[in-house]
C-alpha cells in the first residue's frame, strides 16, 4: 500500500527511532487513547496528536502542577475547572481519587 511504502521509506532514510515513530504516527494515526484500536485517527475536537504534541505536553505539565497544588480542585479559583470537567469526563471523580 502507499502507507507501507511511506513507512519503508522512513526506515530507509533514517535510523533514528524517534523520527521513524513520528512518521509512523503521522501515517497510521495514533489509534484510540482509551480503547484497543492501535491505528487510525483519534476523534479529538481541537488537537492533532502528531502536530500538537508539544502543546499537549505543556498542558499535561500545567494540569499536573494544578493538581499538585489542589488535588481535589476544591479551591475557589478551581471550581469552574472542576465543574466543566465533571460535565465532560465520565467518572471524573474517579480520576481525582486515583491521583
PDB file of N, CA and C in Angstrom:
ATOM      1  N   UNK A   1       0.841  -1.186   0.000  1.00  0.00           N
ATOM      2  CA  UNK A   1       0.000   0.000   0.000  1.00  0.00           C
ATOM      3  C   UNK A   1       0.879   1.239   0.000  1.00  0.00           C
ATOM      4  N   UNK A   2       0.266   2.364  -0.274  1.00  0.00           N
ATOM      5  CA  UNK A   2       1.023   3.614  -0.234  1.00  0.00           C
ATOM      6  C   UNK A   2       1.535   3.907   1.182  1.00  0.00           C
ATOM      7  N   UNK A   3       0.718   3.603   2.182  1.00  0.00           N
ATOM      8  CA  UNK A   3       1.164   3.810   3.570  1.00  0.00           C
ATOM      9  C   UNK A   3       2.386   2.960   3.877  1.00  0.00           C
ATOM     10  N   UNK A   4       2.369   1.715   3.442  1.00  0.00           N
ATOM     11  CA  UNK A   4       3.503   0.822   3.698  1.00  0.00           C
ATOM     12  C   UNK A   4       4.758   1.337   3.006  1.00  0.00           C
ATOM     13  N   UNK A   5       4.604   1.855   1.796  1.00  0.00           N
ATOM     14  CA  UNK A   5       5.755   2.415   1.079  1.00  0.00           C
ATOM     15  C   UNK A   5       6.333   3.605   1.838  1.00  0.00           C
ATOM     16  N   UNK A   6       5.458   4.463   2.336  1.00  0.00           N
ATOM     17  CA  UNK A   6       5.936   5.623   3.112  1.00  0.00           C
ATOM     18  C   UNK A   6       6.669   5.179   4.369  1.00  0.00           C
ATOM     19  N   UNK A   7       6.136   4.158   5.042  1.00  0.00           N
ATOM     20  CA  UNK A   7       6.775   3.661   6.262  1.00  0.00           C
ATOM     21  C   UNK A   7       8.140   3.055   5.951  1.00  0.00           C
ATOM     22  N   UNK A   8       8.244   2.294   4.860  1.00  0.00           N
ATOM     23  CA  UNK A   8       9.529   1.712   4.465  1.00  0.00           C
ATOM     24  C   UNK A   8      10.527   2.796   4.063  1.00  0.00           C
ATOM     25  N   UNK A   9      10.049   3.820   3.399  1.00  0.00           N
ATOM     26  CA  UNK A   9      10.919   4.935   3.023  1.00  0.00           C
ATOM     27  C   UNK A   9      11.482   5.616   4.270  1.00  0.00           C
ATOM     28  N   UNK A  10      10.662   5.765   5.296  1.00  0.00           N
ATOM     29  CA  UNK A  10      11.134   6.359   6.551  1.00  0.00           C
ATOM     30  C   UNK A  10      12.245   5.505   7.160  1.00  0.00           C
ATOM     31  N   UNK A  11      12.101   4.190   7.100  1.00  0.00           N
ATOM     32  CA  UNK A  11      13.136   3.286   7.618  1.00  0.00           C
ATOM     33  C   UNK A  11      14.426   3.413   6.811  1.00  0.00           C
ATOM     34  N   UNK A  12      14.283   3.584   5.503  1.00  0.00           N
ATOM     35  CA  UNK A  12      15.442   3.711   4.625  1.00  0.00           C
ATOM     36  C   UNK A  12      16.198   5.022   4.874  1.00  0.00           C
ATOM     37  N   UNK A  13      15.433   6.092   5.130  1.00  0.00           N
ATOM     38  CA  UNK A  13      16.028   7.419   5.239  1.00  0.00           C
ATOM     39  C   UNK A  13      16.718   7.688   6.562  1.00  0.00           C
ATOM     40  N   UNK A  14      16.322   6.992   7.637  1.00  0.00           N
ATOM     41  CA  UNK A  14      16.909   7.294   8.944  1.00  0.00           C
ATOM     42  C   UNK A  14      16.949   6.049   9.824  1.00  0.00           C
ATOM     43  N   UNK A  15      17.889   6.063  10.740  1.00  0.00           N
ATOM     44  CA  UNK A  15      17.953   5.017  11.751  1.00  0.00           C
ATOM     45  C   UNK A  15      17.483   5.534  13.099  1.00  0.00           C
ATOM     46  N   UNK A  16      16.996   6.770  13.112  1.00  0.00           N
ATOM     47  CA  UNK A  16      16.530   7.404  14.343  1.00  0.00           C
ATOM     48  C   UNK A  16      15.127   6.891  14.673  1.00  0.00           C
ATOM     49  N   UNK A  17      15.039   6.103  15.707  1.00  0.00           N
ATOM     50  CA  UNK A  17      13.769   5.500  16.093  1.00  0.00           C
ATOM     51  C   UNK A  17      12.680   6.510  16.400  1.00  0.00           C
ATOM     52  N   UNK A  18      13.055   7.657  16.945  1.00  0.00           N
ATOM     53  CA  UNK A  18      12.065   8.686  17.251  1.00  0.00           C
ATOM     54  C   UNK A  18      11.477   9.276  15.971  1.00  0.00           C
ATOM     55  N   UNK A  19      12.323   9.532  14.985  1.00  0.00           N
ATOM     56  CA  UNK A  19      11.823  10.062  13.711  1.00  0.00           C
ATOM     57  C   UNK A  19      10.951   9.033  12.995  1.00  0.00           C
ATOM     58  N   UNK A  20      11.353   7.772  13.063  1.00  0.00           N
ATOM     59  CA  UNK A  20      10.558   6.701  12.454  1.00  0.00           C
ATOM     60  C   UNK A  20       9.201   6.607  13.134  1.00  0.00           C
ATOM     61  N   UNK A  21       9.202   6.660  14.458  1.00  0.00           N
ATOM     62  CA  UNK A  21       7.932   6.589  15.200  1.00  0.00           C
ATOM     63  C   UNK A  21       7.046   7.787  14.894  1.00  0.00           C
ATOM     64  N   UNK A  22       7.638   8.963  14.776  1.00  0.00           N
ATOM     65  CA  UNK A  22       6.862  10.165  14.457  1.00  0.00           C
ATOM     66  C   UNK A  22       6.233  10.051  13.069  1.00  0.00           C
ATOM     67  N   UNK A  23       7.014   9.568  12.109  1.00  0.00           N
ATOM     68  CA  UNK A  23       6.491   9.379  10.747  1.00  0.00           C
ATOM     69  C   UNK A  23       5.374   8.334  10.757  1.00  0.00           C
ATOM     70  N   UNK A  24       5.574   7.259  11.480  1.00  0.00           N
ATOM     71  CA  UNK A  24       4.563   6.208  11.575  1.00  0.00           C
ATOM     72  C   UNK A  24       3.277   6.750  12.197  1.00  0.00           C
ATOM     73  N   UNK A  25       3.419   7.562  13.225  1.00  0.00           N
ATOM     74  CA  UNK A  25       2.250   8.187  13.856  1.00  0.00           C
ATOM     75  C   UNK A  25       1.511   9.062  12.863  1.00  0.00           C
ATOM     76  N   UNK A  26       2.252   9.803  12.079  1.00  0.00           N
ATOM     77  CA  UNK A  26       1.640  10.681  11.079  1.00  0.00           C
ATOM     78  C   UNK A  26       0.911   9.862  10.004  1.00  0.00           C
ATOM     79  N   UNK A  27       1.495   8.765   9.587  1.00  0.00           N
ATOM     80  CA  UNK A  27       0.904   7.945   8.523  1.00  0.00           C
ATOM     81  C   UNK A  27      -0.298   7.145   9.033  1.00  0.00           C
ATOM     82  N   UNK A  28      -0.119   6.424  10.124  1.00  0.00           N
ATOM     83  CA  UNK A  28      -1.153   5.492  10.581  1.00  0.00           C
ATOM     84  C   UNK A  28      -2.154   6.108  11.538  1.00  0.00           C
ATOM     85  N   UNK A  29      -1.776   7.201  12.193  1.00  0.00           N
ATOM     86  CA  UNK A  29      -2.646   7.771  13.206  1.00  0.00           C
ATOM     87  C   UNK A  29      -2.363   7.130  14.556  1.00  0.00           C
ATOM     88  N   UNK A  30      -2.777   7.777  15.626  1.00  0.00           N
ATOM     89  CA  UNK A  30      -2.434   7.323  16.973  1.00  0.00           C
ATOM     90  C   UNK A  30      -3.310   6.194  17.506  1.00  0.00           C
ATOM     91  N   UNK A  31      -4.416   5.903  16.863  1.00  0.00           N
ATOM     92  CA  UNK A  31      -5.333   4.910  17.413  1.00  0.00           C
ATOM     93  C   UNK A  31      -6.173   5.521  18.515  1.00  0.00           C
ATOM     94  N   UNK A  32      -6.779   4.679  19.307  1.00  0.00           N
ATOM     95  CA  UNK A  32      -7.648   5.153  20.385  1.00  0.00           C
ATOM     96  C   UNK A  32      -6.829   5.432  21.638  1.00  0.00           C
ATOM     97  N   UNK A  33      -7.160   6.511  22.307  1.00  0.00           N
ATOM     98  CA  UNK A  33      -6.458   6.839  23.544  1.00  0.00           C
ATOM     99  C   UNK A  33      -6.917   5.954  24.691  1.00  0.00           C
ATOM    100  N   UNK A  34      -8.182   5.598  24.703  1.00  0.00           N
ATOM    101  CA  UNK A  34      -8.714   4.826  25.818  1.00  0.00           C
ATOM    102  C   UNK A  34      -9.289   3.489  25.382  1.00  0.00           C
ATOM    103  N   UNK A  35      -9.087   3.106  24.143  1.00  0.00           N
ATOM    104  CA  UNK A  35      -9.629   1.854  23.631  1.00  0.00           C
ATOM    105  C   UNK A  35      -8.515   0.910  23.239  1.00  0.00           C
ATOM    106  N   UNK A  36      -8.834  -0.014  22.319  1.00  0.00           N
ATOM    107  CA  UNK A  36      -7.865  -1.026  21.930  1.00  0.00           C
ATOM    108  C   UNK A  36      -7.372  -0.866  20.501  1.00  0.00           C
ATOM    109  N   UNK A  37      -7.957   0.040  19.743  1.00  0.00           N
ATOM    110  CA  UNK A  37      -7.556   0.235  18.358  1.00  0.00           C
ATOM    111  C   UNK A  37      -6.160   0.859  18.312  1.00  0.00           C
ATOM    112  N   UNK A  38      -5.231   0.211  17.575  1.00  0.00           N
ATOM    113  CA  UNK A  38      -3.843   0.647  17.592  1.00  0.00           C
ATOM    114  C   UNK A  38      -3.456   1.557  16.430  1.00  0.00           C
ATOM    115  N   UNK A  39      -4.373   1.798  15.528  1.00  0.00           N
ATOM    116  CA  UNK A  39      -4.096   2.746  14.459  1.00  0.00           C
ATOM    117  C   UNK A  39      -5.400   3.446  14.090  1.00  0.00           C
ATOM    118  N   UNK A  40      -5.287   4.444  13.242  1.00  0.00           N
ATOM    119  CA  UNK A  40      -6.463   5.229  12.890  1.00  0.00           C
ATOM    120  C   UNK A  40      -6.380   6.568  13.578  1.00  0.00           C
ATOM    121  N   UNK A  41      -7.332   7.402  13.303  1.00  0.00           N
ATOM    122  CA  UNK A  41      -7.255   8.753  13.828  1.00  0.00           C
ATOM    123  C   UNK A  41      -8.217   8.972  14.976  1.00  0.00           C
ATOM    124  N   UNK A  42      -7.672   9.447  16.078  1.00  0.00           N
ATOM    125  CA  UNK A  42      -8.464   9.742  17.268  1.00  0.00           C
ATOM    126  C   UNK A  42      -9.409  10.894  16.960  1.00  0.00           C
ATOM    127  N   UNK A  43     -10.517  10.902  17.608  1.00  0.00           N
ATOM    128  CA  UNK A  43     -11.504  11.951  17.389  1.00  0.00           C
ATOM    129  C   UNK A  43     -11.344  13.053  18.420  1.00  0.00           C
ATOM    130  N   UNK A  44     -10.233  13.739  18.352  1.00  0.00           N
ATOM    131  CA  UNK A  44     -10.013  14.871  19.228  1.00  0.00           C
ATOM    132  C   UNK A  44     -10.631  16.095  18.570  1.00  0.00           C
ATOM    133  N   UNK A  45     -11.341  16.870  19.334  1.00  0.00           N
ATOM    134  CA  UNK A  45     -12.067  18.000  18.780  1.00  0.00           C
ATOM    135  C   UNK A  45     -11.149  19.126  18.323  1.00  0.00           C
ATOM    136  N   UNK A  46     -10.114  19.414  19.102  1.00  0.00           N
ATOM    137  CA  UNK A  46      -9.320  20.604  18.804  1.00  0.00           C
ATOM    138  C   UNK A  46      -7.841  20.339  18.618  1.00  0.00           C
ATOM    139  N   UNK A  47      -7.416  19.082  18.613  1.00  0.00           N
ATOM    140  CA  UNK A  47      -5.980  18.823  18.554  1.00  0.00           C
ATOM    141  C   UNK A  47      -5.668  17.667  17.615  1.00  0.00           C
ATOM    142  N   UNK A  48      -4.448  17.633  17.177  1.00  0.00           N
ATOM    143  CA  UNK A  48      -3.909  16.545  16.386  1.00  0.00           C
ATOM    144  C   UNK A  48      -2.677  16.051  17.144  1.00  0.00           C
ATOM    145  N   UNK A  49      -2.664  14.778  17.508  1.00  0.00           N
ATOM    146  CA  UNK A  49      -1.581  14.273  18.361  1.00  0.00           C
ATOM    147  C   UNK A  49      -0.199  14.489  17.750  1.00  0.00           C
ATOM    148  N   UNK A  50      -0.070  14.288  16.464  1.00  0.00           N
ATOM    149  CA  UNK A  50       1.244  14.461  15.842  1.00  0.00           C
ATOM    150  C   UNK A  50       1.629  15.932  15.761  1.00  0.00           C
ATOM    151  N   UNK A  51       0.706  16.773  15.321  1.00  0.00           N
ATOM    152  CA  UNK A  51       1.009  18.190  15.110  1.00  0.00           C
ATOM    153  C   UNK A  51       1.123  18.962  16.425  1.00  0.00           C
ATOM    154  N   UNK A  52       0.278  18.639  17.397  1.00  0.00           N
ATOM    155  CA  UNK A  52       0.166  19.439  18.613  1.00  0.00           C
ATOM    156  C   UNK A  52       0.790  18.782  19.841  1.00  0.00           C
ATOM    157  N   UNK A  53       1.708  17.864  19.615  1.00  0.00           N
ATOM    158  CA  UNK A  53       2.279  17.108  20.723  1.00  0.00           C
ATOM    159  C   UNK A  53       2.916  18.013  21.776  1.00  0.00           C
ATOM    160  N   UNK A  54       3.680  19.012  21.356  1.00  0.00           N
ATOM    161  CA  UNK A  54       4.359  19.879  22.329  1.00  0.00           C
ATOM    162  C   UNK A  54       3.346  20.682  23.152  1.00  0.00           C
ATOM    163  N   UNK A  55       2.250  21.087  22.535  1.00  0.00           N
ATOM    164  CA  UNK A  55       1.207  21.816  23.259  1.00  0.00           C
ATOM    165  C   UNK A  55       0.559  20.901  24.287  1.00  0.00           C
ATOM    166  N   UNK A  56       0.316  19.646  23.905  1.00  0.00           N
ATOM    167  CA  UNK A  56      -0.302  18.703  24.840  1.00  0.00           C
ATOM    168  C   UNK A  56       0.633  18.371  26.002  1.00  0.00           C
ATOM    169  N   UNK A  57       1.936  18.299  25.734  1.00  0.00           N
ATOM    170  CA  UNK A  57       2.890  18.083  26.831  1.00  0.00           C
ATOM    171  C   UNK A  57       2.853  19.244  27.816  1.00  0.00           C
ATOM    172  N   UNK A  58       2.796  20.461  27.296  1.00  0.00           N
ATOM    173  CA  UNK A  58       2.718  21.645  28.162  1.00  0.00           C
ATOM    174  C   UNK A  58       1.423  21.627  28.966  1.00  0.00           C
ATOM    175  N   UNK A  59       0.318  21.268  28.321  1.00  0.00           N
ATOM    176  CA  UNK A  59      -0.963  21.185  29.023  1.00  0.00           C
ATOM    177  C   UNK A  59      -0.889  20.145  30.135  1.00  0.00           C
ATOM    178  N   UNK A  60      -0.248  19.020  29.857  1.00  0.00           N
ATOM    179  CA  UNK A  60      -0.108  17.972  30.880  1.00  0.00           C
ATOM    180  C   UNK A  60       0.701  18.484  32.071  1.00  0.00           C
ATOM    181  N   UNK A  61       1.769  19.216  31.788  1.00  0.00           N
ATOM    182  CA  UNK A  61       2.582  19.789  32.864  1.00  0.00           C
ATOM    183  C   UNK A  61       1.758  20.769  33.696  1.00  0.00           C
ATOM    184  N   UNK A  62       0.965  21.589  33.027  1.00  0.00           N
ATOM    185  CA  UNK A  62       0.127  22.564  33.733  1.00  0.00           C
ATOM    186  C   UNK A  62      -0.917  21.869  34.604  1.00  0.00           C
ATOM    187  N   UNK A  63      -1.532  20.822  34.063  1.00  0.00           N
ATOM    188  CA  UNK A  63      -2.542  20.079  34.831  1.00  0.00           C
ATOM    189  C   UNK A  63      -1.893  19.404  36.036  1.00  0.00           C
ATOM    190  N   UNK A  64      -0.726  18.819  35.831  1.00  0.00           N
ATOM    191  CA  UNK A  64      -0.016  18.172  36.936  1.00  0.00           C
ATOM    192  C   UNK A  64       0.292  19.177  38.039  1.00  0.00           C
ATOM    193  N   UNK A  65       0.777  20.350  37.653  1.00  0.00           N
ATOM    194  CA  UNK A  65       1.078  21.400  38.634  1.00  0.00           C
ATOM    195  C   UNK A  65      -0.188  21.842  39.367  1.00  0.00           C
ATOM    196  N   UNK A  66      -1.282  22.001  38.638  1.00  0.00           N
ATOM    197  CA  UNK A  66      -2.547  22.396  39.254  1.00  0.00           C
ATOM    198  C   UNK A  66      -3.012  21.361  40.273  1.00  0.00           C
ATOM    199  N   UNK A  67      -2.947  20.087  39.881  1.00  0.00           N
ATOM    200  CA  UNK A  67      -3.413  19.027  40.778  1.00  0.00           C
ATOM    201  C   UNK A  67      -2.486  18.815  41.973  1.00  0.00           C
ATOM    202  N   UNK A  68      -1.215  19.150  41.833  1.00  0.00           N
ATOM    203  CA  UNK A  68      -0.308  19.080  42.984  1.00  0.00           C
ATOM    204  C   UNK A  68      -0.685  20.123  44.022  1.00  0.00           C
ATOM    205  N   UNK A  69      -1.106  21.289  43.560  1.00  0.00           N
ATOM    206  CA  UNK A  69      -1.491  22.376  44.468  1.00  0.00           C
ATOM    207  C   UNK A  69      -2.897  22.180  45.034  1.00  0.00           C
ATOM    208  N   UNK A  70      -3.782  21.577  44.225  1.00  0.00           N
ATOM    209  CA  UNK A  70      -5.182  21.431  44.626  1.00  0.00           C
ATOM    210  C   UNK A  70      -5.724  20.101  44.088  1.00  0.00           C
ATOM    211  N   UNK A  71      -5.357  18.973  44.719  1.00  0.00           N
ATOM    212  CA  UNK A  71      -5.699  17.651  44.197  1.00  0.00           C
ATOM    213  C   UNK A  71      -7.198  17.422  43.948  1.00  0.00           C
ATOM    214  N   UNK A  72      -8.044  17.980  44.749  1.00  0.00           N
ATOM    215  CA  UNK A  72      -9.474  17.782  44.570  1.00  0.00           C
ATOM    216  C   UNK A  72     -10.154  18.882  43.786  1.00  0.00           C
ATOM    217  N   UNK A  73      -9.365  19.842  43.319  1.00  0.00           N
ATOM    218  CA  UNK A  73      -9.893  21.023  42.627  1.00  0.00           C
ATOM    219  C   UNK A  73     -11.009  21.686  43.441  1.00  0.00           C
ATOM    220  N   UNK A  74     -10.726  21.863  44.730  1.00  0.00           N
ATOM    221  CA  UNK A  74     -11.756  22.423  45.617  1.00  0.00           C
ATOM    222  C   UNK A  74     -11.509  23.884  45.968  1.00  0.00           C
ATOM    223  N   UNK A  75     -10.346  24.403  45.641  1.00  0.00           N
ATOM    224  CA  UNK A  75     -10.098  25.827  45.891  1.00  0.00           C
ATOM    225  C   UNK A  75     -11.080  26.652  45.054  1.00  0.00           C
ATOM    226  N   UNK A  76     -11.513  27.778  45.581  1.00  0.00           N
ATOM    227  CA  UNK A  76     -12.492  28.595  44.852  1.00  0.00           C
ATOM    228  C   UNK A  76     -12.074  28.936  43.422  1.00  0.00           C
ATOM    229  N   UNK A  77     -10.802  29.191  43.209  1.00  0.00           N
ATOM    230  CA  UNK A  77     -10.344  29.557  41.866  1.00  0.00           C
ATOM    231  C   UNK A  77     -10.387  28.380  40.881  1.00  0.00           C
ATOM    232  N   UNK A  78     -10.575  27.155  41.394  1.00  0.00           N
ATOM    233  CA  UNK A  78     -10.595  25.974  40.532  1.00  0.00           C
ATOM    234  C   UNK A  78     -11.976  25.328  40.405  1.00  0.00           C
ATOM    235  N   UNK A  79     -12.974  25.897  41.031  1.00  0.00           N
ATOM    236  CA  UNK A  79     -14.301  25.266  40.969  1.00  0.00           C
ATOM    237  C   UNK A  79     -14.877  25.262  39.558  1.00  0.00           C
ATOM    238  N   UNK A  80     -14.607  26.285  38.772  1.00  0.00           N
ATOM    239  CA  UNK A  80     -15.113  26.307  37.389  1.00  0.00           C
ATOM    240  C   UNK A  80     -14.475  25.177  36.577  1.00  0.00           C
ATOM    241  N   UNK A  81     -13.186  24.957  36.782  1.00  0.00           N
ATOM    242  CA  UNK A  81     -12.492  23.863  36.094  1.00  0.00           C
ATOM    243  C   UNK A  81     -13.117  22.536  36.494  1.00  0.00           C
ATOM    244  N   UNK A  82     -13.344  22.367  37.789  1.00  0.00           N
ATOM    245  CA  UNK A  82     -13.946  21.130  38.289  1.00  0.00           C
ATOM    246  C   UNK A  82     -15.324  20.904  37.675  1.00  0.00           C
ATOM    247  N   UNK A  83     -16.136  21.933  37.624  1.00  0.00           N
ATOM    248  CA  UNK A  83     -17.490  21.798  37.082  1.00  0.00           C
ATOM    249  C   UNK A  83     -17.469  21.446  35.591  1.00  0.00           C
ATOM    250  N   UNK A  84     -16.602  22.076  34.843  1.00  0.00           N
ATOM    251  CA  UNK A  84     -16.502  21.775  33.409  1.00  0.00           C
ATOM    252  C   UNK A  84     -16.044  20.344  33.194  1.00  0.00           C
ATOM    253  N   UNK A  85     -15.010  19.933  33.911  1.00  0.00           N
ATOM    254  CA  UNK A  85     -14.507  18.566  33.757  1.00  0.00           C
ATOM    255  C   UNK A  85     -15.537  17.530  34.188  1.00  0.00           C
ATOM    256  N   UNK A  86     -16.279  17.816  35.234  1.00  0.00           N
ATOM    257  CA  UNK A  86     -17.302  16.879  35.704  1.00  0.00           C
ATOM    258  C   UNK A  86     -18.364  16.662  34.627  1.00  0.00           C
ATOM    259  N   UNK A  87     -18.648  17.684  33.836  1.00  0.00           N
ATOM    260  CA  UNK A  87     -19.629  17.557  32.754  1.00  0.00           C
ATOM    261  C   UNK A  87     -19.057  16.832  31.541  1.00  0.00           C
ATOM    262  N   UNK A  88     -17.778  16.994  31.310  1.00  0.00           N
ATOM    263  CA  UNK A  88     -17.159  16.474  30.086  1.00  0.00           C
ATOM    264  C   UNK A  88     -16.545  15.081  30.226  1.00  0.00           C
ATOM    265  N   UNK A  89     -16.136  14.706  31.431  1.00  0.00           N
ATOM    266  CA  UNK A  89     -15.387  13.462  31.623  1.00  0.00           C
ATOM    267  C   UNK A  89     -16.206  12.476  32.445  1.00  0.00           C
ATOM    268  N   UNK A  90     -16.473  11.310  31.849  1.00  0.00           N
ATOM    269  CA  UNK A  90     -17.179  10.264  32.583  1.00  0.00           C
ATOM    270  C   UNK A  90     -16.363   9.846  33.802  1.00  0.00           C
ATOM    271  N   UNK A  91     -17.025   9.633  34.908  1.00  0.00           N
ATOM    272  CA  UNK A  91     -16.378   9.193  36.155  1.00  0.00           C
ATOM    273  C   UNK A  91     -15.241  10.124  36.573  1.00  0.00           C
ATOM    274  N   UNK A  92     -15.451  11.402  36.402  1.00  0.00           N
ATOM    275  CA  UNK A  92     -14.423  12.399  36.698  1.00  0.00           C
ATOM    276  C   UNK A  92     -13.879  12.261  38.117  1.00  0.00           C
ATOM    277  N   UNK A  93     -14.750  12.017  39.086  1.00  0.00           N
ATOM    278  CA  UNK A  93     -14.309  11.889  40.486  1.00  0.00           C
ATOM    279  C   UNK A  93     -13.287  10.767  40.645  1.00  0.00           C
ATOM    280  N   UNK A  94     -13.432   9.723  39.866  1.00  0.00           N
ATOM    281  CA  UNK A  94     -12.506   8.597  39.951  1.00  0.00           C
ATOM    282  C   UNK A  94     -11.084   9.032  39.568  1.00  0.00           C
ATOM    283  N   UNK A  95     -10.969   9.907  38.570  1.00  0.00           N
ATOM    284  CA  UNK A  95      -9.651  10.397  38.168  1.00  0.00           C
ATOM    285  C   UNK A  95      -9.007  11.215  39.268  1.00  0.00           C
ATOM    286  N   UNK A  96      -9.779  12.013  39.954  1.00  0.00           N
ATOM    287  CA  UNK A  96      -9.224  12.795  41.058  1.00  0.00           C
ATOM    288  C   UNK A  96      -8.764  11.882  42.178  1.00  0.00           C
ATOM    289  N   UNK A  97      -9.537  10.842  42.469  1.00  0.00           N
ATOM    290  CA  UNK A  97      -9.197   9.926  43.546  1.00  0.00           C
ATOM    291  C   UNK A  97      -7.963   9.084  43.233  1.00  0.00           C
ATOM    292  N   UNK A  98      -7.734   8.802  41.920  1.00  0.00           N
ATOM    293  CA  UNK A  98      -6.634   7.928  41.563  1.00  0.00           C
ATOM    294  C   UNK A  98      -5.280   8.614  41.573  1.00  0.00           C
ATOM    295  N   UNK A  99      -5.288   9.954  41.666  1.00  0.00           N
ATOM    296  CA  UNK A  99      -4.038  10.695  41.711  1.00  0.00           C
ATOM    297  C   UNK A  99      -3.476  10.828  40.337  1.00  0.00           C
TER     298      UNK A  99
END
